[in-house]
Amino acid sequence: MSELGHSARKTRTFIRRFLAIARRNVDHDAVAENVYENGGLSGRYLIMTGISAAIAILGLMLSSPAVVIGAMLMSPMMGPIVALGFSLALLDFREMNRALKALALGFGLALIVAVVLTVLSPLKEPTAEILARTRPNFFDLLIAVFSGIAGAYAVIKQRGETIIGVAIATALMPPVATVGFGLGTGDMGIAGGAFFLFMTNLVAIALAATLTAGFYGFRPRLMERPVKWRGLAVVLVFAVLSAPLALSLRAIGLESRATAETRLAVDAIFAGSESRITLLEVRSRSGEVTVSALISTRALVADAERQLQQRLTAALHVPVAASLDQIVVADPQAASRAVQASPVSAPDPVAALRGRLIDAVPFATDAIMLNAEGSQAVVLLRPEAGLNLQSAYALETALTQRFEGLSVLVTPPVQLFDTVDLGDPAARARAVWALSRWRATPAIRMCRPEQPPEPETPPAEGEAAPARLDSGETFIAELAAVGVSTTTEGAPACQRGDINTARLSF
């Protein structure tokens, strides 16, 4: 026991010496005065907040990280939020009120600017930059915490405040602009999620700044005015501010655990199938976990969704709604990909449907557009997506099956092909699909097309025999049915060995 007490005394001595060294040369009164001077409301603060919000919402709508970063360079939000953290550490209610007033007015101004620009802008589609800020995750929380620590350290040591202010603005201004976008487009899901992210980040930064200030010796001067309720006020303020943070941490923890359990379950269910998770989305709401997974596999597993549901329910001990789609990728030259699609729920509003469709396309795109009724979508793939015609055709099939009631038109990058096997219905279907998506007018030459087989049953007496089209005529008819015009002028010549083949150029 004496040895344990001796070790404890040595540890306390070490900590006191470490804190004394860290707090050396810190002028607490001068630092507090500087923090409060820069943390109040001013004309410059409002002007810079409005300009920063305008640039941020434009960058989000354009999905341009560079523009969003430019907005961060101008944001003045570090001053009030660090002042809020120090006022909590010093329990200075007058300065706390000033800081909260500045933050509230700044938030309101930024919100108005974002809503107005969203309403005036023709860009109403939620981009990846916007969707990334509709709900907090563990990494957002880490960014906020380290930003708060860095901000408090910078003002205490009086170095690097401007650069660190960018990090704080990064955690706050984009969510505010995203709230404005959600309100401007009438999408309360986006607005609510972004506001929760903003509040989580705000509380995390303020509390991190408070703890950093406390580490450097900033303490409330309770002995100057010994009022009993002040100690209780400290606990109450921290409890109120920590509530959204606690809720966020609970949801983040549950989602992280559900993500890990889903990956383990998929590995077990698809063992030996060389499968991979192409898309995984996990959400936690009101104690219930929703999991949506898209699996690329070499062989379908008939009851994979049921197995996933059972495994997750047993592992998480909370209600779980699991949706699992499978895409068969057996051979790069395969005619198509098969999909085992699980039932989908009732149609979502158009804005939510747009977000789900964007999440469901894990490839590089030029645009993903949806009509106002939410009945037809167009996906324009980029060459960097790396999909050949078979894969792009299969993607359209999979998306159409997954999104019930939605006609999905996937347009692949133009890829030259000069022959079509007329005897392969799947090859003809892909060629018809690609030429219609590209709105091409091909020049086609038929090379020794085959005649259709004789009908097994002759026509009834008095009925005319149906027209018998050879494979080339069938191909032309299929193209015409989807509005593709053809010509023979300039068509490439047939080559030796071409049998039941179409040669084309466009």
Protein backbone atom coordinates (compact mmCIF):
# COMPACT_ATOMS: atom_id res chain seq x y z
CA MET A 1 0.00 0.00 0.00
CA SER A 2 2.86 2.36 0.78
CA GLU A 3 4.42 1.61 -2.59
CA LEU A 4 1.09 2.37 -4.30
CA GLY A 5 0.79 5.64 -2.39
CA HIS A 6 4.36 6.57 -3.27
CA SER A 7 3.65 5.94 -6.98
CA ALA A 8 0.50 8.06 -6.80
CA ARG A 9 2.41 10.95 -5.23
CA LYS A 10 5.08 10.72 -7.94
CA THR A 11 2.40 10.75 -10.63
CA ARG A 12 0.68 13.81 -9.12
CA THR A 13 4.02 15.58 -8.85
CA PHE A 14 4.81 14.82 -12.49
CA ILE A 15 1.41 16.10 -13.63
CA ARG A 16 1.77 19.33 -11.63
CA ARG A 17 5.21 19.96 -13.10
CA PHE A 18 3.95 19.21 -16.62
CA LEU A 19 1.03 21.62 -16.22
CA ALA A 20 3.31 24.29 -14.76
CA ILE A 21 5.61 24.04 -17.78
CA ALA A 22 2.67 24.10 -20.23
CA ARG A 23 1.12 27.15 -18.53
CA ARG A 24 4.37 29.05 -18.30
CA ASN A 25 4.29 32.51 -19.90
CA VAL A 26 0.51 32.35 -20.47
CA ASP A 27 -0.99 35.75 -19.63
CA HIS A 28 -4.51 34.66 -18.79
CA ASP A 29 -5.99 38.14 -18.55
CA ALA A 30 -4.46 39.29 -21.86
CA VAL A 31 -5.55 36.13 -23.66
CA ALA A 32 -9.11 36.36 -22.33
CA GLU A 33 -9.31 40.02 -23.32
CA ASN A 34 -8.10 39.21 -26.85
CA VAL A 35 -10.55 36.32 -27.21
CA TYR A 36 -13.52 38.38 -26.11
CA GLU A 37 -12.50 41.32 -28.29
CA ASN A 38 -12.62 39.11 -31.40
CA GLY A 39 -15.64 37.08 -30.35
CA GLY A 40 -18.39 39.66 -30.36
CA LEU A 41 -20.75 40.99 -33.00
CA SER A 42 -19.44 43.51 -35.53
CA GLY A 43 -20.15 44.79 -39.01
CA ARG A 44 -17.09 43.07 -40.41
CA TYR A 45 -18.17 39.76 -38.89
CA LEU A 46 -21.62 39.93 -40.51
CA ILE A 47 -20.31 41.01 -43.92
CA MET A 48 -17.66 38.30 -44.07
CA THR A 49 -20.16 35.68 -42.85
CA GLY A 50 -22.63 36.63 -45.60
CA ILE A 51 -19.97 36.53 -48.32
CA SER A 52 -18.57 33.25 -47.03
CA ALA A 53 -22.04 31.67 -46.98
CA ALA A 54 -22.69 32.81 -50.56
CA ILE A 55 -19.47 31.26 -51.83
CA ALA A 56 -20.07 28.09 -49.79
CA ILE A 57 -23.57 27.43 -51.17
CA LEU A 58 -22.42 28.07 -54.74
CA GLY A 59 -19.51 25.68 -54.26
CA LEU A 60 -21.82 23.02 -52.83
CA MET A 61 -24.32 23.33 -55.69
CA LEU A 62 -21.48 23.10 -58.21
CA SER A 63 -19.93 20.20 -56.24
CA SER A 64 -16.61 22.07 -56.28
CA PRO A 65 -14.39 21.42 -53.25
CA ALA A 66 -12.03 24.22 -54.34
CA VAL A 67 -14.83 26.81 -54.18
CA VAL A 68 -15.98 25.52 -50.78
CA ILE A 69 -12.42 25.83 -49.48
CA GLY A 70 -12.36 29.41 -50.78
CA ALA A 71 -15.42 30.13 -48.67
CA MET A 72 -13.66 28.70 -45.63
CA LEU A 73 -10.75 31.08 -46.09
CA MET A 74 -13.16 33.99 -45.61
CA SER A 75 -15.29 32.72 -42.77
CA PRO A 76 -14.93 34.60 -39.43
CA MET A 77 -16.66 31.97 -37.27
CA MET A 78 -13.59 31.13 -35.20
CA GLY A 79 -13.88 34.26 -33.05
CA PRO A 80 -17.33 33.72 -31.48
CA ILE A 81 -17.00 29.97 -31.07
CA VAL A 82 -13.64 30.18 -29.28
CA ALA A 83 -15.07 32.99 -27.16
CA LEU A 84 -17.95 30.66 -26.27
CA GLY A 85 -15.47 27.97 -25.21
CA PHE A 86 -13.46 30.38 -23.03
CA SER A 87 -16.59 31.86 -21.48
CA LEU A 88 -17.60 28.36 -20.45
CA ALA A 89 -14.17 27.74 -18.94
CA LEU A 90 -14.25 31.07 -17.08
CA LEU A 91 -18.02 30.88 -16.44
CA ASP A 92 -18.34 34.44 -17.75
CA PHE A 93 -22.05 34.67 -18.54
CA ARG A 94 -21.87 38.15 -20.05
CA GLU A 95 -19.29 37.08 -22.63
CA MET A 96 -21.13 33.81 -23.16
CA ASN A 97 -24.23 35.81 -24.07
CA ARG A 98 -22.21 37.97 -26.50
CA ALA A 99 -20.69 34.92 -28.18
CA LEU A 100 -24.02 33.11 -28.50
CA LYS A 101 -25.64 36.24 -29.93
CA ALA A 102 -22.89 36.59 -32.53
CA LEU A 103 -23.17 32.89 -33.48
CA ALA A 104 -26.98 33.04 -33.70
CA LEU A 105 -27.01 36.15 -35.89
CA GLY A 106 -24.20 34.80 -38.04
CA PHE A 107 -26.05 31.50 -38.48
CA GLY A 108 -29.26 33.34 -39.36
CA LEU A 109 -27.55 35.58 -41.91
CA ALA A 110 -25.70 32.67 -43.53
CA LEU A 111 -28.94 30.69 -43.66
CA ILE A 112 -30.85 33.53 -45.36
CA VAL A 113 -28.09 34.00 -47.93
CA ALA A 114 -28.01 30.26 -48.68
CA VAL A 115 -31.80 29.99 -49.01
CA VAL A 116 -32.06 33.02 -51.31
CA LEU A 117 -29.28 31.84 -53.62
CA THR A 118 -30.77 28.32 -53.71
CA VAL A 119 -34.20 29.65 -54.68
CA LEU A 120 -32.71 31.87 -57.41
CA SER A 121 -30.38 29.18 -58.75
CA PRO A 122 -31.45 26.71 -61.47
CA LEU A 123 -29.31 24.05 -59.74
CA LYS A 124 -31.73 22.17 -57.52
CA GLU A 125 -30.15 18.70 -57.60
CA PRO A 126 -28.35 17.65 -54.38
CA THR A 127 -24.70 17.06 -55.26
CA ALA A 128 -22.24 14.70 -53.62
CA GLU A 129 -20.79 17.65 -51.65
CA ILE A 130 -24.26 18.42 -50.27
CA LEU A 131 -25.22 14.84 -49.48
CA ALA A 132 -21.93 14.35 -47.65
CA ARG A 133 -23.06 16.97 -45.11
CA THR A 134 -26.53 15.71 -44.30
CA ARG A 135 -25.61 13.63 -41.28
CA PRO A 136 -22.73 13.51 -38.79
CA ASN A 137 -20.22 10.68 -38.79
CA PHE A 138 -17.26 9.83 -36.61
CA PHE A 139 -14.74 11.62 -38.83
CA ASP A 140 -16.80 14.84 -38.85
CA LEU A 141 -16.77 14.69 -35.07
CA LEU A 142 -12.98 14.20 -34.97
CA ILE A 143 -12.48 17.18 -37.30
CA ALA A 144 -14.61 19.35 -35.02
CA VAL A 145 -12.83 18.25 -31.83
CA PHE A 146 -9.32 18.80 -33.18
CA SER A 147 -10.41 22.12 -34.72
CA GLY A 148 -11.61 23.30 -31.31
CA ILE A 149 -8.37 22.22 -29.63
CA ALA A 150 -6.30 23.90 -32.33
CA GLY A 151 -8.36 27.09 -32.17
CA ALA A 152 -7.99 27.45 -28.40
CA TYR A 153 -4.27 26.63 -28.55
CA ALA A 154 -3.73 29.20 -31.32
CA VAL A 155 -5.31 32.06 -29.39
CA ILE A 156 -3.54 31.11 -26.16
CA LYS A 157 -0.17 30.97 -27.89
CA GLN A 158 -1.16 33.80 -30.25
CA ARG A 159 0.03 32.09 -33.43
CA GLY A 160 -1.69 30.71 -36.52
CA GLU A 161 -5.21 31.90 -35.69
CA THR A 162 -6.14 32.66 -39.30
CA ILE A 163 -5.14 29.30 -40.72
CA ILE A 164 -6.77 27.36 -37.88
CA GLY A 165 -9.89 29.44 -38.36
CA VAL A 166 -10.26 27.73 -41.73
CA ALA A 167 -10.48 24.34 -40.05
CA ILE A 168 -13.21 25.58 -37.71
CA ALA A 169 -15.10 27.11 -40.62
CA THR A 170 -14.80 23.83 -42.50
CA ALA A 171 -16.77 22.10 -39.76
CA LEU A 172 -19.47 24.81 -39.58
CA MET A 173 -20.08 26.83 -42.75
CA PRO A 174 -20.78 23.97 -45.23
CA PRO A 175 -23.45 22.44 -42.94
CA VAL A 176 -25.09 25.87 -42.56
CA ALA A 177 -25.12 26.33 -46.35
CA THR A 178 -26.53 22.81 -46.73
CA VAL A 179 -29.36 23.67 -44.32
CA GLY A 180 -30.14 26.64 -46.58
CA PHE A 181 -30.12 24.39 -49.64
CA GLY A 182 -32.55 21.98 -47.99
CA LEU A 183 -34.91 24.80 -47.02
CA GLY A 184 -34.61 26.43 -50.45
CA THR A 185 -35.51 23.19 -52.24
CA GLY A 186 -38.10 22.09 -49.70
CA ASP A 187 -36.12 18.99 -48.74
CA MET A 188 -36.50 18.80 -44.97
CA GLY A 189 -34.45 15.61 -44.83
CA ILE A 190 -31.37 17.44 -46.10
CA ALA A 191 -32.07 20.52 -43.96
CA GLY A 192 -32.64 18.53 -40.76
CA GLY A 193 -29.61 16.30 -41.23
CA ALA A 194 -27.31 19.23 -41.99
CA PHE A 195 -28.61 21.19 -38.98
CA PHE A 196 -27.91 18.23 -36.70
CA LEU A 197 -24.38 18.04 -38.15
CA PHE A 198 -23.93 21.78 -37.53
CA MET A 199 -25.08 21.54 -33.92
CA THR A 200 -22.91 18.49 -33.29
CA ASN A 201 -19.83 20.22 -34.68
CA LEU A 202 -20.61 23.48 -32.86
CA VAL A 203 -20.89 21.74 -29.49
CA ALA A 204 -17.80 19.58 -30.12
CA ILE A 205 -15.67 22.61 -31.05
CA ALA A 206 -16.90 24.70 -28.11
CA LEU A 207 -16.36 21.93 -25.56
CA ALA A 208 -12.93 21.09 -26.99
CA ALA A 209 -11.99 24.78 -26.69
CA THR A 210 -13.30 24.79 -23.12
CA LEU A 211 -11.24 21.77 -22.12
CA THR A 212 -8.13 23.20 -23.79
CA ALA A 213 -8.59 26.49 -21.95
CA GLY A 214 -8.98 24.58 -18.70
CA PHE A 215 -5.79 22.65 -19.41
CA TYR A 216 -3.91 25.95 -19.69
CA GLY A 217 -5.23 27.17 -16.34
CA PHE A 218 -8.30 29.22 -17.28
CA ARG A 219 -10.68 28.80 -14.35
CA PRO A 220 -13.84 30.59 -13.17
CA ARG A 221 -13.16 33.12 -10.46
CA LEU A 222 -15.83 31.75 -8.15
CA MET A 223 -14.10 32.99 -4.99
CA GLU A 224 -14.52 36.63 -6.01
CA ARG A 225 -18.29 36.28 -5.85
CA PRO A 226 -19.12 33.11 -3.92
CA VAL A 227 -22.59 32.34 -5.29
CA LYS A 228 -23.73 28.74 -4.80
CA TRP A 229 -25.74 28.48 -8.05
CA ARG A 230 -22.69 29.13 -10.20
CA GLY A 231 -21.25 25.68 -9.62
CA LEU A 232 -24.59 24.16 -10.55
CA ALA A 233 -24.72 26.44 -13.60
CA VAL A 234 -21.43 25.01 -14.87
CA VAL A 235 -22.84 21.48 -14.76
CA LEU A 236 -26.15 22.57 -16.33
CA VAL A 237 -24.53 24.43 -19.24
CA PHE A 238 -22.27 21.49 -20.04
CA ALA A 239 -25.20 19.06 -19.84
CA VAL A 240 -27.37 21.11 -22.21
CA LEU A 241 -24.57 21.57 -24.73
CA SER A 242 -23.56 17.93 -24.51
CA ALA A 243 -27.03 16.53 -25.25
CA PRO A 244 -26.82 16.69 -29.07
CA LEU A 245 -23.25 15.45 -28.89
CA ALA A 246 -24.29 12.44 -26.82
CA LEU A 247 -27.12 11.61 -29.25
CA SER A 248 -24.75 11.93 -32.20
CA LEU A 249 -22.13 9.73 -30.56
CA ARG A 250 -24.72 7.05 -29.82
CA ALA A 251 -25.92 7.01 -33.43
CA ILE A 252 -22.36 7.07 -34.79
CA GLY A 253 -21.34 4.21 -32.53
CA LEU A 254 -24.33 2.10 -33.55
CA GLU A 255 -23.73 2.77 -37.25
CA SER A 256 -20.03 1.94 -36.97
CA ARG A 257 -20.82 -1.33 -35.24
CA ALA A 258 -23.53 -2.16 -37.78
CA THR A 259 -21.11 -1.46 -40.66
CA ALA A 260 -18.49 -3.77 -39.20
CA GLU A 261 -21.05 -6.52 -38.49
CA THR A 262 -22.45 -6.20 -42.04
CA ARG A 263 -19.01 -6.71 -43.58
CA LEU A 264 -18.42 -9.77 -41.41
CA ALA A 265 -21.84 -11.17 -42.26
CA VAL A 266 -21.35 -10.63 -46.01
CA ASP A 267 -17.96 -12.37 -45.87
CA ALA A 268 -19.59 -15.37 -44.17
CA ILE A 269 -22.67 -15.51 -46.40
CA PHE A 270 -20.70 -15.23 -49.65
CA ALA A 271 -17.72 -17.33 -48.58
CA GLY A 272 -15.97 -18.79 -51.63
CA SER A 273 -17.88 -16.61 -54.11
CA GLU A 274 -15.15 -13.98 -54.57
CA SER A 275 -17.73 -11.32 -53.69
CA ARG A 276 -17.21 -7.69 -52.75
CA ILE A 277 -19.41 -4.95 -51.33
CA THR A 278 -19.99 -2.43 -54.13
CA LEU A 279 -22.26 -0.16 -52.09
CA LEU A 280 -23.06 -0.12 -48.39
CA GLU A 281 -25.29 2.36 -46.60
CA VAL A 282 -26.02 2.13 -42.89
CA ARG A 283 -28.33 4.50 -41.05
CA SER A 284 -29.48 4.62 -37.45
CA ARG A 285 -32.69 6.36 -36.51
CA SER A 286 -34.71 6.13 -33.31
CA GLY A 287 -32.83 3.03 -32.20
CA GLU A 288 -33.46 1.18 -35.47
CA VAL A 289 -30.74 0.34 -37.99
CA THR A 290 -31.36 0.34 -41.75
CA VAL A 291 -28.78 -1.46 -43.90
CA SER A 292 -28.72 -1.36 -47.70
CA ALA A 293 -26.00 -3.34 -49.49
CA LEU A 294 -25.14 -3.99 -53.13
CA ILE A 295 -22.92 -7.07 -53.56
CA SER A 296 -20.91 -8.00 -56.65
CA THR A 297 -20.52 -11.77 -56.67
CA ARG A 298 -19.71 -14.68 -58.97
CA ALA A 299 -22.67 -16.74 -57.76
CA LEU A 300 -26.07 -15.77 -56.35
CA VAL A 301 -26.95 -16.81 -52.81
CA ALA A 302 -30.68 -17.45 -52.73
CA ASP A 303 -31.44 -16.45 -49.12
CA ALA A 304 -28.64 -13.92 -48.61
CA GLU A 305 -30.95 -11.11 -47.47
CA ARG A 306 -32.65 -13.32 -44.87
CA GLN A 307 -29.29 -14.49 -43.54
CA LEU A 308 -28.03 -10.90 -43.31
CA GLN A 309 -31.17 -9.84 -41.44
CA GLN A 310 -30.81 -12.67 -38.92
CA ARG A 311 -27.08 -12.14 -38.35
CA LEU A 312 -27.41 -8.38 -37.80
CA THR A 313 -30.40 -8.71 -35.48
CA ALA A 314 -28.54 -11.26 -33.36
CA ALA A 315 -25.34 -9.20 -33.26
CA LEU A 316 -26.78 -5.71 -32.66
CA HIS A 317 -29.78 -6.52 -30.41
CA VAL A 318 -31.82 -3.72 -32.02
CA PRO A 319 -34.48 -3.74 -34.77
CA VAL A 320 -32.76 -4.10 -38.18
CA ALA A 321 -34.17 -3.54 -41.68
CA ALA A 322 -31.77 -5.11 -44.19
CA SER A 323 -31.91 -4.82 -47.96
CA LEU A 324 -29.40 -6.77 -50.05
CA ASP A 325 -29.05 -6.72 -53.85
CA GLN A 326 -26.71 -9.04 -55.74
CA ILE A 327 -25.01 -8.41 -59.10
CA VAL A 328 -23.45 -11.40 -60.81
CA VAL A 329 -20.05 -10.60 -62.35
CA ALA A 330 -18.93 -13.99 -63.65
CA ASP A 331 -17.07 -12.93 -66.82
CA PRO A 332 -16.11 -9.47 -68.21
CA GLN A 333 -17.43 -10.64 -71.59
CA ALA A 334 -20.66 -11.99 -70.17
CA ALA A 335 -23.80 -11.01 -72.01
CA SER A 336 -25.33 -9.34 -69.00
CA ARG A 337 -25.37 -9.10 -65.25
CA ALA A 338 -28.14 -10.65 -63.23
CA VAL A 339 -29.62 -9.00 -60.20
CA GLN A 340 -31.54 -10.48 -57.32
CA ALA A 341 -33.42 -7.44 -56.12
CA SER A 342 -35.16 -7.32 -52.79
CA PRO A 343 -38.56 -5.69 -52.46
CA VAL A 344 -38.48 -1.96 -52.07
CA SER A 345 -40.64 0.12 -49.86
CA ALA A 346 -43.22 2.66 -50.92
CA PRO A 347 -41.96 5.30 -53.36
CA ASP A 348 -40.04 8.07 -51.69
CA PRO A 349 -40.42 11.76 -52.48
CA VAL A 350 -38.54 12.93 -55.54
CA ALA A 351 -35.75 14.59 -53.57
CA ALA A 352 -35.11 11.48 -51.48
CA LEU A 353 -35.26 9.32 -54.62
CA ARG A 354 -32.58 11.48 -56.24
CA GLY A 355 -30.30 10.97 -53.26
CA ARG A 356 -30.85 7.20 -53.27
CA LEU A 357 -30.12 7.00 -57.00
CA ILE A 358 -26.91 9.01 -56.64
CA ASP A 359 -25.79 6.71 -53.83
CA ALA A 360 -26.63 3.63 -55.90
CA VAL A 361 -24.30 4.54 -58.79
CA PRO A 362 -20.75 3.96 -57.47
CA PHE A 363 -19.12 5.04 -60.74
CA ALA A 364 -17.89 8.33 -62.24
CA THR A 365 -20.77 10.25 -63.89
CA ASP A 366 -21.22 13.52 -65.73
CA ALA A 367 -24.77 13.91 -64.46
CA ILE A 368 -27.63 12.07 -62.77
CA MET A 369 -30.93 13.73 -63.64
CA LEU A 370 -34.49 13.02 -62.55
CA ASN A 371 -37.70 14.47 -63.98
CA ALA A 372 -40.11 16.42 -61.79
CA GLU A 373 -42.53 13.48 -61.45
CA GLY A 374 -39.81 11.11 -60.28
CA SER A 375 -40.70 8.60 -63.01
CA GLN A 376 -37.62 8.74 -65.25
CA ALA A 377 -33.91 9.17 -64.55
CA VAL A 378 -30.93 9.68 -66.83
CA VAL A 379 -27.42 8.59 -65.79
CA LEU A 380 -24.55 9.89 -67.95
CA LEU A 381 -21.46 7.77 -67.36
CA ARG A 382 -17.95 9.15 -67.77
CA PRO A 383 -15.11 7.28 -69.51
CA GLU A 384 -13.33 7.05 -66.13
CA ALA A 385 -16.16 4.81 -64.91
CA GLY A 386 -14.33 1.96 -66.67
CA LEU A 387 -17.53 0.18 -67.77
CA ASN A 388 -17.83 -1.53 -71.14
CA LEU A 389 -21.16 -1.79 -72.95
CA GLN A 390 -22.07 -5.08 -71.26
CA SER A 391 -21.47 -3.62 -67.80
CA ALA A 392 -23.27 -0.35 -68.52
CA TYR A 393 -26.25 -2.28 -69.96
CA ALA A 394 -26.31 -4.48 -66.85
CA LEU A 395 -26.13 -1.42 -64.60
CA GLU A 396 -29.25 0.02 -66.24
CA THR A 397 -31.03 -3.32 -65.81
CA ALA A 398 -30.02 -3.52 -62.15
CA LEU A 399 -31.07 0.04 -61.35
CA THR A 400 -34.40 -0.38 -63.10
CA GLN A 401 -35.12 -3.51 -61.08
CA ARG A 402 -33.94 -1.96 -57.83
CA PHE A 403 -35.98 1.27 -58.17
CA GLU A 404 -39.53 0.10 -58.70
CA GLY A 405 -41.60 2.49 -60.82
CA LEU A 406 -38.56 4.42 -62.04
CA SER A 407 -37.40 4.20 -65.66
CA VAL A 408 -33.60 4.49 -65.55
CA LEU A 409 -31.75 5.36 -68.76
CA VAL A 410 -28.00 4.81 -68.48
CA THR A 411 -25.96 6.45 -71.26
CA PRO A 412 -22.45 5.00 -71.60
CA PRO A 413 -19.54 6.91 -73.14
CA VAL A 414 -19.39 6.45 -76.92
CA GLN A 415 -17.45 3.26 -77.68
CA LEU A 416 -16.77 2.18 -81.24
CA PHE A 417 -17.88 -1.31 -82.27
CA ASP A 418 -18.09 -2.44 -85.89
CA THR A 419 -19.77 -5.85 -85.78
CA VAL A 420 -22.94 -7.34 -84.29
CA ASP A 421 -23.63 -11.07 -84.09
CA LEU A 422 -27.13 -11.24 -85.56
CA GLY A 423 -27.64 -14.74 -84.18
CA ASP A 424 -27.17 -13.58 -80.57
CA PRO A 425 -30.35 -11.86 -79.27
CA ALA A 426 -28.43 -10.45 -76.27
CA ALA A 427 -25.77 -8.92 -78.55
CA ARG A 428 -28.48 -7.37 -80.75
CA ALA A 429 -30.27 -6.01 -77.67
CA ARG A 430 -27.09 -4.35 -76.38
CA ALA A 431 -26.33 -2.84 -79.79
CA VAL A 432 -29.89 -1.49 -80.11
CA TRP A 433 -29.67 -0.11 -76.56
CA ALA A 434 -26.30 1.63 -77.11
CA LEU A 435 -27.22 3.15 -80.48
CA SER A 436 -30.50 4.47 -79.08
CA ARG A 437 -28.79 5.99 -76.02
CA TRP A 438 -26.21 7.71 -78.26
CA ARG A 439 -28.92 8.81 -80.74
CA ALA A 440 -26.67 7.52 -83.50
CA THR A 441 -27.53 7.03 -87.18
CA PRO A 442 -25.39 4.01 -88.13
CA ALA A 443 -24.49 2.86 -91.64
CA ILE A 444 -25.16 -0.91 -91.64
CA ARG A 445 -24.36 -3.72 -94.06
CA MET A 446 -25.81 -7.17 -93.50
CA CYS A 447 -23.38 -10.03 -94.18
CA ARG A 448 -25.12 -13.31 -95.08
CA PRO A 449 -28.03 -12.99 -92.62
CA GLU A 450 -29.77 -16.24 -91.77
CA GLN A 451 -33.41 -17.02 -92.48
CA PRO A 452 -35.67 -17.81 -89.55
CA PRO A 453 -36.63 -21.45 -89.03
CA GLU A 454 -39.85 -22.76 -90.52
CA PRO A 455 -42.81 -22.42 -88.14
CA GLU A 456 -43.73 -25.68 -86.43
CA THR A 457 -47.45 -25.04 -86.86
CA PRO A 458 -48.74 -23.96 -90.29
CA PRO A 459 -51.21 -21.05 -90.42
CA ALA A 460 -54.88 -21.89 -90.11
CA GLU A 461 -56.91 -22.16 -93.28
CA GLY A 462 -57.81 -18.73 -94.57
CA GLU A 463 -55.11 -16.93 -92.52
CA ALA A 464 -52.13 -15.33 -94.19
CA ALA A 465 -48.74 -16.60 -93.16
CA PRO A 466 -46.87 -14.10 -90.95
CA ALA A 467 -43.98 -12.24 -92.56
CA ARG A 468 -40.72 -14.08 -92.07
CA LEU A 469 -37.82 -11.68 -91.50
CA ASP A 470 -34.24 -12.76 -91.72
CA SER A 471 -31.90 -11.88 -88.87
CA GLY A 472 -30.75 -8.68 -90.60
CA GLU A 473 -34.29 -7.43 -91.17
CA THR A 474 -35.12 -8.28 -87.56
CA PHE A 475 -32.17 -6.17 -86.41
CA ILE A 476 -33.31 -3.20 -88.54
CA ALA A 477 -36.84 -3.55 -87.17
CA GLU A 478 -35.56 -3.59 -83.61
CA LEU A 479 -33.57 -0.40 -84.24
CA ALA A 480 -36.57 1.32 -85.82
CA ALA A 481 -38.74 0.39 -82.84
CA VAL A 482 -36.57 2.56 -80.56
CA GLY A 483 -36.27 5.41 -83.06
CA VAL A 484 -32.82 4.65 -84.52
CA SER A 485 -32.58 5.52 -88.21
CA THR A 486 -30.16 3.53 -90.38
CA THR A 487 -28.55 3.91 -93.78
CA THR A 488 -26.52 1.74 -96.13
CA GLU A 489 -24.51 4.63 -97.55
CA GLY A 490 -20.90 4.45 -96.37
CA ALA A 491 -21.44 1.12 -94.63
CA PRO A 492 -18.28 -0.99 -94.26
CA ALA A 493 -17.86 -3.94 -96.60
CA CYS A 494 -18.35 -7.52 -95.49
CA GLN A 495 -15.20 -9.51 -94.92
CA ARG A 496 -14.33 -13.12 -95.61
CA GLY A 497 -15.89 -15.39 -93.03
CA ASP A 498 -18.71 -12.98 -92.10
CA ILE A 499 -21.80 -15.12 -91.53
CA ASN A 500 -25.00 -13.78 -89.97
CA THR A 501 -23.15 -10.62 -89.02
CA ALA A 502 -23.90 -6.90 -89.30
CA ARG A 503 -21.04 -4.50 -89.99
CA LEU A 504 -21.66 -0.90 -89.05
CA SER A 505 -20.09 2.51 -88.68
CA PHE A 506 -21.42 5.69 -87.08
